[in-house]
Amino acid sequence: MSAALPTSSREWHLVARPHGWPKSEDFALREAAVAAPAEGRILVRNKYFSVDPYMRGRM
């Protein structure tokens, strides 16, 4: 595994509030630049991402 910091990340965005069941058009996968962490800060990499049923109401 490389010790180099990543320069970009992929992010899921909610682009439209779902009406009924969520559809793929309600979301977008976007690429974003990752800034180097400031002094005294760290950069964390997520290994897992969970989308639980209760989140439906939060959209």
N, C-alpha and C. Protein backbone atom coordinates (compact mmCIF):
# COMPACT_ATOMS: atom_id res chain seq x y z
N MET A 1 0.84 -1.18 0.00
CA MET A 1 0.00 0.00 0.00
C MET A 1 0.88 1.24 0.00
N SER A 2 0.50 2.20 -0.80
CA SER A 2 1.27 3.42 -0.91
C SER A 2 1.01 4.34 0.27
N ALA A 3 2.06 5.02 0.72
CA ALA A 3 1.91 5.98 1.82
C ALA A 3 1.56 7.36 1.29
N ALA A 4 1.54 7.53 -0.03
CA ALA A 4 1.23 8.84 -0.62
C ALA A 4 -0.23 9.21 -0.37
N LEU A 5 -0.47 10.48 -0.14
CA LEU A 5 -1.84 10.96 0.06
C LEU A 5 -2.58 10.99 -1.26
N PRO A 6 -3.87 10.64 -1.26
CA PRO A 6 -4.64 10.71 -2.51
C PRO A 6 -4.86 12.16 -2.92
N THR A 7 -4.99 12.38 -4.21
CA THR A 7 -5.23 13.74 -4.72
C THR A 7 -6.69 13.94 -5.12
N SER A 8 -7.45 12.84 -5.22
CA SER A 8 -8.87 12.96 -5.56
C SER A 8 -9.66 11.88 -4.82
N SER A 9 -10.96 12.11 -4.71
CA SER A 9 -11.84 11.14 -4.07
C SER A 9 -13.14 11.05 -4.86
N ARG A 10 -13.89 10.00 -4.62
CA ARG A 10 -15.21 9.85 -5.23
C ARG A 10 -16.25 10.09 -4.14
N GLU A 11 -17.29 10.85 -4.48
CA GLU A 11 -18.33 11.21 -3.51
C GLU A 11 -19.71 10.95 -4.11
N TRP A 12 -20.59 10.36 -3.31
CA TRP A 12 -21.98 10.20 -3.73
C TRP A 12 -22.74 11.44 -3.31
N HIS A 13 -23.48 12.03 -4.25
CA HIS A 13 -24.29 13.21 -3.98
C HIS A 13 -25.76 12.90 -4.22
N LEU A 14 -26.61 13.41 -3.34
CA LEU A 14 -28.05 13.33 -3.54
C LEU A 14 -28.43 14.53 -4.40
N VAL A 15 -28.79 14.29 -5.66
CA VAL A 15 -29.06 15.39 -6.59
C VAL A 15 -30.55 15.73 -6.68
N ALA A 16 -31.40 14.83 -6.24
CA ALA A 16 -32.84 15.08 -6.22
C ALA A 16 -33.46 14.27 -5.09
N ARG A 17 -34.40 14.89 -4.38
CA ARG A 17 -35.09 14.15 -3.32
C ARG A 17 -35.96 13.08 -3.97
N PRO A 18 -35.83 11.83 -3.52
CA PRO A 18 -36.64 10.76 -4.11
C PRO A 18 -38.13 10.96 -3.82
N HIS A 19 -38.94 10.68 -4.81
CA HIS A 19 -40.40 10.63 -4.66
C HIS A 19 -40.75 9.17 -4.88
N GLY A 20 -41.16 8.49 -3.82
CA GLY A 20 -41.35 7.05 -3.90
C GLY A 20 -40.00 6.38 -3.65
N TRP A 21 -39.74 5.28 -4.33
CA TRP A 21 -38.48 4.57 -4.15
C TRP A 21 -37.33 5.36 -4.79
N PRO A 22 -36.16 5.41 -4.14
CA PRO A 22 -35.01 6.10 -4.75
C PRO A 22 -34.62 5.43 -6.06
N LYS A 23 -34.23 6.25 -7.03
CA LYS A 23 -33.78 5.77 -8.34
C LYS A 23 -32.33 6.21 -8.54
N SER A 24 -31.66 5.57 -9.47
CA SER A 24 -30.26 5.93 -9.72
C SER A 24 -30.12 7.38 -10.17
N GLU A 25 -31.17 7.94 -10.80
CA GLU A 25 -31.12 9.34 -11.24
C GLU A 25 -31.11 10.33 -10.07
N ASP A 26 -31.49 9.86 -8.88
CA ASP A 26 -31.51 10.72 -7.70
C ASP A 26 -30.12 10.93 -7.11
N PHE A 27 -29.15 10.19 -7.59
CA PHE A 27 -27.79 10.24 -7.06
C PHE A 27 -26.78 10.49 -8.17
N ALA A 28 -25.62 11.01 -7.80
CA ALA A 28 -24.54 11.20 -8.76
C ALA A 28 -23.22 10.88 -8.07
N LEU A 29 -22.37 10.14 -8.76
CA LEU A 29 -21.02 9.85 -8.27
C LEU A 29 -20.10 10.88 -8.90
N ARG A 30 -19.47 11.69 -8.05
CA ARG A 30 -18.62 12.78 -8.54
C ARG A 30 -17.21 12.62 -8.01
N GLU A 31 -16.28 13.15 -8.76
CA GLU A 31 -14.87 13.14 -8.34
C GLU A 31 -14.53 14.53 -7.81
N ALA A 32 -13.82 14.56 -6.69
CA ALA A 32 -13.46 15.84 -6.07
C ALA A 32 -11.99 15.82 -5.66
N ALA A 33 -11.38 16.99 -5.68
CA ALA A 33 -9.98 17.11 -5.26
C ALA A 33 -9.89 16.97 -3.74
N VAL A 34 -8.83 16.35 -3.28
CA VAL A 34 -8.58 16.20 -1.84
C VAL A 34 -7.44 17.13 -1.47
N ALA A 35 -7.72 18.05 -0.57
CA ALA A 35 -6.68 18.98 -0.12
C ALA A 35 -5.78 18.28 0.91
N ALA A 36 -4.53 18.67 0.95
CA ALA A 36 -3.62 18.13 1.95
C ALA A 36 -4.10 18.59 3.33
N PRO A 37 -4.02 17.73 4.34
CA PRO A 37 -4.47 18.14 5.67
C PRO A 37 -3.62 19.29 6.22
N ALA A 38 -4.29 20.20 6.90
CA ALA A 38 -3.60 21.34 7.52
C ALA A 38 -2.78 20.85 8.72
N GLU A 39 -1.93 21.69 9.20
CA GLU A 39 -1.10 21.38 10.37
C GLU A 39 -1.99 20.94 11.53
N GLY A 40 -1.66 19.81 12.13
CA GLY A 40 -2.43 19.30 13.26
C GLY A 40 -3.68 18.53 12.88
N ARG A 41 -3.91 18.30 11.58
CA ARG A 41 -5.09 17.58 11.09
C ARG A 41 -4.64 16.27 10.45
N ILE A 42 -5.60 15.35 10.26
CA ILE A 42 -5.31 14.08 9.60
C ILE A 42 -6.31 13.85 8.48
N LEU A 43 -5.96 12.99 7.56
CA LEU A 43 -6.85 12.59 6.47
C LEU A 43 -7.26 11.14 6.75
N VAL A 44 -8.56 10.88 6.74
CA VAL A 44 -9.08 9.55 7.06
C VAL A 44 -9.66 8.92 5.80
N ARG A 45 -9.39 7.64 5.59
CA ARG A 45 -9.97 6.90 4.46
C ARG A 45 -11.04 5.96 4.99
N ASN A 46 -12.25 6.05 4.43
CA ASN A 46 -13.32 5.14 4.82
C ASN A 46 -13.09 3.79 4.14
N LYS A 47 -13.27 2.72 4.90
CA LYS A 47 -13.19 1.38 4.33
C LYS A 47 -14.58 0.83 4.02
N TYR A 48 -15.56 1.25 4.80
CA TYR A 48 -16.92 0.75 4.64
C TYR A 48 -17.90 1.92 4.64
N PHE A 49 -18.99 1.73 3.93
CA PHE A 49 -20.05 2.74 3.87
C PHE A 49 -21.37 2.00 3.98
N SER A 50 -22.22 2.44 4.87
CA SER A 50 -23.50 1.77 5.09
C SER A 50 -24.66 2.71 4.79
N VAL A 51 -25.62 2.20 4.05
CA VAL A 51 -26.85 2.94 3.81
C VAL A 51 -27.96 2.11 4.45
N ASP A 52 -28.45 2.58 5.59
CA ASP A 52 -29.44 1.85 6.36
C ASP A 52 -30.85 2.35 6.05
N PRO A 53 -31.87 1.49 6.26
CA PRO A 53 -33.24 1.88 5.93
C PRO A 53 -33.70 3.18 6.59
N TYR A 54 -33.25 3.46 7.80
CA TYR A 54 -33.71 4.68 8.48
C TYR A 54 -33.28 5.93 7.71
N MET A 55 -32.26 5.84 6.88
CA MET A 55 -31.77 7.02 6.15
C MET A 55 -32.77 7.49 5.10
N ARG A 56 -33.70 6.63 4.71
CA ARG A 56 -34.71 7.01 3.70
C ARG A 56 -35.45 8.26 4.16
N GLY A 57 -35.82 8.31 5.42
CA GLY A 57 -36.54 9.46 5.95
C GLY A 57 -35.68 10.72 6.03
N ARG A 58 -34.38 10.56 6.06
CA ARG A 58 -33.47 11.70 6.17
C ARG A 58 -33.18 12.33 4.81
N MET A 59 -33.52 11.63 3.74
CA MET A 59 -33.28 12.19 2.40
C MET A 59 -34.33 13.22 2.09
